[in-house]
């Protein structure tokens, strides 16, 4: 089956953004993606928690891809001359499904997702998906450590 084009992938993103702040279906994370696939005509493989063709490298991920997280944790520590702050986020206990909206060169991604932070509403969240050390050149250092795993899926269309 052919991969969706970048333009077709934008339809899935639009489906999710139109629902920001509202519950989609039963509010489960996979329901947002499943209903989005049905709405925009993407092929849903029969296997549970599979959303298309596996994308082997994070560098090849693009908006509209679906991330399937498994026991994923990200710890971010920011240090500067005034001290430090640390925060931890998690996705997938044991699993979580989210739509990639964007990703930058440092591995900080924006996702459209539901059933997070105690809410079934569709939400937009931004967090790192890879380990990295950043220095802004002005005395602020950011240390990012991730654990757990994720699989990236490229949605596909029915063969014509």
C-alpha atoms as a PDB file:
ATOM      1  CA  UNK A   1       0.000   0.000   0.000  1.00  0.00           C
ATOM      2  CA  UNK A   2       1.294   3.465  -0.753  1.00  0.00           C
ATOM      3  CA  UNK A   3       2.288   5.896   1.994  1.00  0.00           C
ATOM      4  CA  UNK A   4       0.143   8.982   2.385  1.00  0.00           C
ATOM      5  CA  UNK A   5       1.584  12.126   0.863  1.00  0.00           C
ATOM      6  CA  UNK A   6       2.543  15.073   3.046  1.00  0.00           C
ATOM      7  CA  UNK A   7      -0.581  16.843   1.791  1.00  0.00           C
ATOM      8  CA  UNK A   8      -2.791  13.868   2.717  1.00  0.00           C
ATOM      9  CA  UNK A   9      -1.128  13.701   6.152  1.00  0.00           C
ATOM     10  CA  UNK A  10      -2.220  17.288   6.764  1.00  0.00           C
ATOM     11  CA  UNK A  11      -5.829  16.075   6.618  1.00  0.00           C
ATOM     12  CA  UNK A  12      -5.207  13.866   9.671  1.00  0.00           C
ATOM     13  CA  UNK A  13      -3.612  16.806  11.497  1.00  0.00           C
ATOM     14  CA  UNK A  14      -6.584  18.995  10.559  1.00  0.00           C
ATOM     15  CA  UNK A  15      -8.994  16.342  11.862  1.00  0.00           C
ATOM     16  CA  UNK A  16      -7.266  16.412  15.250  1.00  0.00           C
ATOM     17  CA  UNK A  17      -6.802  20.199  15.484  1.00  0.00           C
ATOM     18  CA  UNK A  18     -10.489  20.740  14.724  1.00  0.00           C
ATOM     19  CA  UNK A  19     -11.217  18.726  17.871  1.00  0.00           C
ATOM     20  CA  UNK A  20      -8.802  20.494  20.241  1.00  0.00           C
ATOM     21  CA  UNK A  21     -10.419  20.970  23.621  1.00  0.00           C
ATOM     22  CA  UNK A  22     -13.177  18.437  22.912  1.00  0.00           C
ATOM     23  CA  UNK A  23     -13.475  14.725  23.514  1.00  0.00           C
ATOM     24  CA  UNK A  24     -13.309  12.569  20.388  1.00  0.00           C
ATOM     25  CA  UNK A  25     -15.363   9.376  20.710  1.00  0.00           C
ATOM     26  CA  UNK A  26     -14.639   7.668  24.025  1.00  0.00           C
ATOM     27  CA  UNK A  27     -11.616   9.917  24.633  1.00  0.00           C
ATOM     28  CA  UNK A  28      -9.016   7.183  24.448  1.00  0.00           C
ATOM     29  CA  UNK A  29      -5.742   8.067  22.710  1.00  0.00           C
ATOM     30  CA  UNK A  30      -6.130   5.457  19.975  1.00  0.00           C
ATOM     31  CA  UNK A  31      -9.722   6.566  19.273  1.00  0.00           C
ATOM     32  CA  UNK A  32      -8.511   9.969  18.038  1.00  0.00           C
ATOM     33  CA  UNK A  33      -6.220   8.288  15.512  1.00  0.00           C
ATOM     34  CA  UNK A  34      -8.669   5.531  14.570  1.00  0.00           C
ATOM     35  CA  UNK A  35     -11.512   7.991  13.965  1.00  0.00           C
ATOM     36  CA  UNK A  36      -9.156  10.303  12.099  1.00  0.00           C
ATOM     37  CA  UNK A  37      -8.090   7.467   9.788  1.00  0.00           C
ATOM     38  CA  UNK A  38     -11.735   6.602   9.100  1.00  0.00           C
ATOM     39  CA  UNK A  39     -12.645  10.241   8.465  1.00  0.00           C
ATOM     40  CA  UNK A  40      -9.842  10.957   5.994  1.00  0.00           C
ATOM     41  CA  UNK A  41      -9.814   7.536   4.286  1.00  0.00           C
ATOM     42  CA  UNK A  42      -6.489   6.118   5.525  1.00  0.00           C
ATOM     43  CA  UNK A  43      -5.955   2.356   5.720  1.00  0.00           C
ATOM     44  CA  UNK A  44      -6.037   0.926   9.259  1.00  0.00           C
ATOM     45  CA  UNK A  45      -4.119  -2.360   9.526  1.00  0.00           C
ATOM     46  CA  UNK A  46      -5.962  -5.140  11.340  1.00  0.00           C
ATOM     47  CA  UNK A  47      -3.261  -5.440  14.037  1.00  0.00           C
ATOM     48  CA  UNK A  48      -3.912  -3.549  17.265  1.00  0.00           C
ATOM     49  CA  UNK A  49      -1.738  -0.456  17.746  1.00  0.00           C
ATOM     50  CA  UNK A  50      -0.355  -0.595  14.186  1.00  0.00           C
ATOM     51  CA  UNK A  51      -0.982   2.506  12.112  1.00  0.00           C
ATOM     52  CA  UNK A  52       0.809   1.860   8.802  1.00  0.00           C
ATOM     53  CA  UNK A  53       4.392   1.340   7.664  1.00  0.00           C
ATOM     54  CA  UNK A  54       7.117   1.520  10.331  1.00  0.00           C
ATOM     55  CA  UNK A  55       9.453   4.507   9.943  1.00  0.00           C
ATOM     56  CA  UNK A  56      12.883   3.265  11.046  1.00  0.00           C
ATOM     57  CA  UNK A  57      14.533   6.528  12.112  1.00  0.00           C
ATOM     58  CA  UNK A  58      13.335   9.570  14.008  1.00  0.00           C
ATOM     59  CA  UNK A  59      15.095  11.745  11.415  1.00  0.00           C
ATOM     60  CA  UNK A  60      12.605  10.441   8.822  1.00  0.00           C
ATOM     61  CA  UNK A  61       9.487  11.252  10.867  1.00  0.00           C
ATOM     62  CA  UNK A  62       7.187  13.864   9.371  1.00  0.00           C
ATOM     63  CA  UNK A  63       3.972  15.623  10.363  1.00  0.00           C
ATOM     64  CA  UNK A  64       1.009  13.265  10.258  1.00  0.00           C
ATOM     65  CA  UNK A  65       2.995  10.218  11.341  1.00  0.00           C
ATOM     66  CA  UNK A  66       1.609   8.303  14.315  1.00  0.00           C
ATOM     67  CA  UNK A  67       3.775   7.593  17.356  1.00  0.00           C
ATOM     68  CA  UNK A  68       3.007   4.534  19.454  1.00  0.00           C
ATOM     69  CA  UNK A  69       4.734   5.074  22.824  1.00  0.00           C
ATOM     70  CA  UNK A  70       5.550   2.311  25.266  1.00  0.00           C
ATOM     71  CA  UNK A  71       6.528   3.223  28.847  1.00  0.00           C
ATOM     72  CA  UNK A  72       8.105   6.425  27.516  1.00  0.00           C
ATOM     73  CA  UNK A  73       9.589   8.964  29.951  1.00  0.00           C
ATOM     74  CA  UNK A  74      11.404  12.227  29.295  1.00  0.00           C
ATOM     75  CA  UNK A  75      13.321  14.145  31.975  1.00  0.00           C
ATOM     76  CA  UNK A  76      14.363  17.728  31.207  1.00  0.00           C
ATOM     77  CA  UNK A  77      16.771  19.628  33.446  1.00  0.00           C
ATOM     78  CA  UNK A  78      17.454  23.313  32.750  1.00  0.00           C
ATOM     79  CA  UNK A  79      20.391  24.946  34.535  1.00  0.00           C
ATOM     80  CA  UNK A  80      21.489  28.575  34.569  1.00  0.00           C
ATOM     81  CA  UNK A  81      23.255  31.043  36.864  1.00  0.00           C
ATOM     82  CA  UNK A  82      20.181  31.224  39.108  1.00  0.00           C
ATOM     83  CA  UNK A  83      19.879  27.482  39.701  1.00  0.00           C
ATOM     84  CA  UNK A  84      18.050  24.629  38.004  1.00  0.00           C
ATOM     85  CA  UNK A  85      14.592  23.227  37.318  1.00  0.00           C
ATOM     86  CA  UNK A  86      13.652  19.698  36.399  1.00  0.00           C
ATOM     87  CA  UNK A  87      10.465  18.189  35.048  1.00  0.00           C
ATOM     88  CA  UNK A  88       9.437  14.734  33.903  1.00  0.00           C
ATOM     89  CA  UNK A  89       6.738  13.747  31.431  1.00  0.00           C
ATOM     90  CA  UNK A  90       5.525  10.284  30.540  1.00  0.00           C
ATOM     91  CA  UNK A  91       3.490   8.677  27.790  1.00  0.00           C
ATOM     92  CA  UNK A  92       2.346   5.104  27.566  1.00  0.00           C
ATOM     93  CA  UNK A  93       1.747   3.178  30.714  1.00  0.00           C
ATOM     94  CA  UNK A  94       1.977   0.782  29.040  1.00  0.00           C
ATOM     95  CA  UNK A  95       0.993   2.333  25.635  1.00  0.00           C
ATOM     96  CA  UNK A  96      -0.024   5.703  24.206  1.00  0.00           C
ATOM     97  CA  UNK A  97      -0.921   6.804  20.653  1.00  0.00           C
ATOM     98  CA  UNK A  98      -0.351  10.346  19.331  1.00  0.00           C
ATOM     99  CA  UNK A  99      -0.246  12.233  16.010  1.00  0.00           C
ATOM    100  CA  UNK A 100       2.950  14.116  15.198  1.00  0.00           C
ATOM    101  CA  UNK A 101       2.221  17.732  14.293  1.00  0.00           C
ATOM    102  CA  UNK A 102       5.838  18.941  14.061  1.00  0.00           C
ATOM    103  CA  UNK A 103       9.398  18.164  15.166  1.00  0.00           C
ATOM    104  CA  UNK A 104      12.526  20.314  15.323  1.00  0.00           C
ATOM    105  CA  UNK A 105      16.209  19.476  14.832  1.00  0.00           C
ATOM    106  CA  UNK A 106      16.711  19.021  18.593  1.00  0.00           C
ATOM    107  CA  UNK A 107      14.034  16.326  18.795  1.00  0.00           C
ATOM    108  CA  UNK A 108      11.374  18.503  20.401  1.00  0.00           C
ATOM    109  CA  UNK A 109       8.059  17.383  18.945  1.00  0.00           C
ATOM    110  CA  UNK A 110       4.515  18.689  19.047  1.00  0.00           C
ATOM    111  CA  UNK A 111       1.789  16.060  19.295  1.00  0.00           C
ATOM    112  CA  UNK A 112      -1.982  16.014  19.016  1.00  0.00           C
ATOM    113  CA  UNK A 113      -3.289  13.503  21.526  1.00  0.00           C
ATOM    114  CA  UNK A 114      -6.006  12.638  23.999  1.00  0.00           C
ATOM    115  CA  UNK A 115      -6.300  10.824  27.323  1.00  0.00           C
ATOM    116  CA  UNK A 116      -3.348  12.663  28.887  1.00  0.00           C
ATOM    117  CA  UNK A 117      -2.969  14.693  32.068  1.00  0.00           C
ATOM    118  CA  UNK A 118      -6.290  13.411  33.390  1.00  0.00           C
ATOM    119  CA  UNK A 119      -8.337  14.650  30.423  1.00  0.00           C
ATOM    120  CA  UNK A 120     -10.031  12.830  27.558  1.00  0.00           C
ATOM    121  CA  UNK A 121     -10.103  16.020  25.456  1.00  0.00           C
ATOM    122  CA  UNK A 122      -7.871  16.372  22.395  1.00  0.00           C
ATOM    123  CA  UNK A 123      -4.780  18.351  23.393  1.00  0.00           C
ATOM    124  CA  UNK A 124      -1.569  19.711  21.888  1.00  0.00           C
ATOM    125  CA  UNK A 125       1.635  18.992  23.805  1.00  0.00           C
ATOM    126  CA  UNK A 126       5.273  19.586  23.057  1.00  0.00           C
ATOM    127  CA  UNK A 127       8.077  17.449  24.469  1.00  0.00           C
ATOM    128  CA  UNK A 128      11.424  15.939  23.519  1.00  0.00           C
ATOM    129  CA  UNK A 129      11.565  12.465  21.993  1.00  0.00           C
ATOM    130  CA  UNK A 130      15.328  11.949  22.030  1.00  0.00           C
ATOM    131  CA  UNK A 131      18.210  12.351  24.474  1.00  0.00           C
ATOM    132  CA  UNK A 132      20.181  15.538  23.911  1.00  0.00           C
ATOM    133  CA  UNK A 133      22.323  18.176  25.614  1.00  0.00           C
ATOM    134  CA  UNK A 134      21.724  21.797  24.605  1.00  0.00           C
ATOM    135  CA  UNK A 135      23.579  25.009  25.454  1.00  0.00           C
ATOM    136  CA  UNK A 136      22.032  28.311  24.390  1.00  0.00           C
ATOM    137  CA  UNK A 137      25.403  30.141  24.540  1.00  0.00           C
ATOM    138  CA  UNK A 138      24.126  32.488  27.252  1.00  0.00           C
ATOM    139  CA  UNK A 139      24.663  30.257  30.260  1.00  0.00           C
ATOM    140  CA  UNK A 140      21.548  28.123  30.024  1.00  0.00           C
ATOM    141  CA  UNK A 141      22.099  24.398  29.654  1.00  0.00           C
ATOM    142  CA  UNK A 142      19.336  21.878  28.980  1.00  0.00           C
ATOM    143  CA  UNK A 143      19.833  18.167  29.580  1.00  0.00           C
ATOM    144  CA  UNK A 144      17.223  15.814  28.117  1.00  0.00           C
ATOM    145  CA  UNK A 145      17.112  12.117  28.950  1.00  0.00           C
ATOM    146  CA  UNK A 146      14.526   9.733  27.535  1.00  0.00           C
ATOM    147  CA  UNK A 147      13.685   6.142  28.397  1.00  0.00           C
ATOM    148  CA  UNK A 148      11.145   3.663  27.146  1.00  0.00           C
ATOM    149  CA  UNK A 149      10.400   3.404  23.464  1.00  0.00           C
ATOM    150  CA  UNK A 150       8.187   4.420  20.592  1.00  0.00           C
ATOM    151  CA  UNK A 151       7.390   3.159  17.128  1.00  0.00           C
ATOM    152  CA  UNK A 152       6.719   5.633  14.332  1.00  0.00           C
ATOM    153  CA  UNK A 153       4.097   4.702  11.742  1.00  0.00           C
ATOM    154  CA  UNK A 154       3.574   6.309   8.352  1.00  0.00           C
ATOM    155  CA  UNK A 155      -0.126   6.111   7.484  1.00  0.00           C
ATOM    156  CA  UNK A 156      -1.040   4.462   4.185  1.00  0.00           C
ATOM    157  CA  UNK A 157      -3.870   4.746   1.722  1.00  0.00           C
ATOM    158  CA  UNK A 158      -5.869   1.984   0.123  1.00  0.00           C
ATOM    159  CA  UNK A 159      -4.394   0.926  -3.221  1.00  0.00           C
ATOM    160  CA  UNK A 160      -6.280   2.404  -6.119  1.00  0.00           C
END
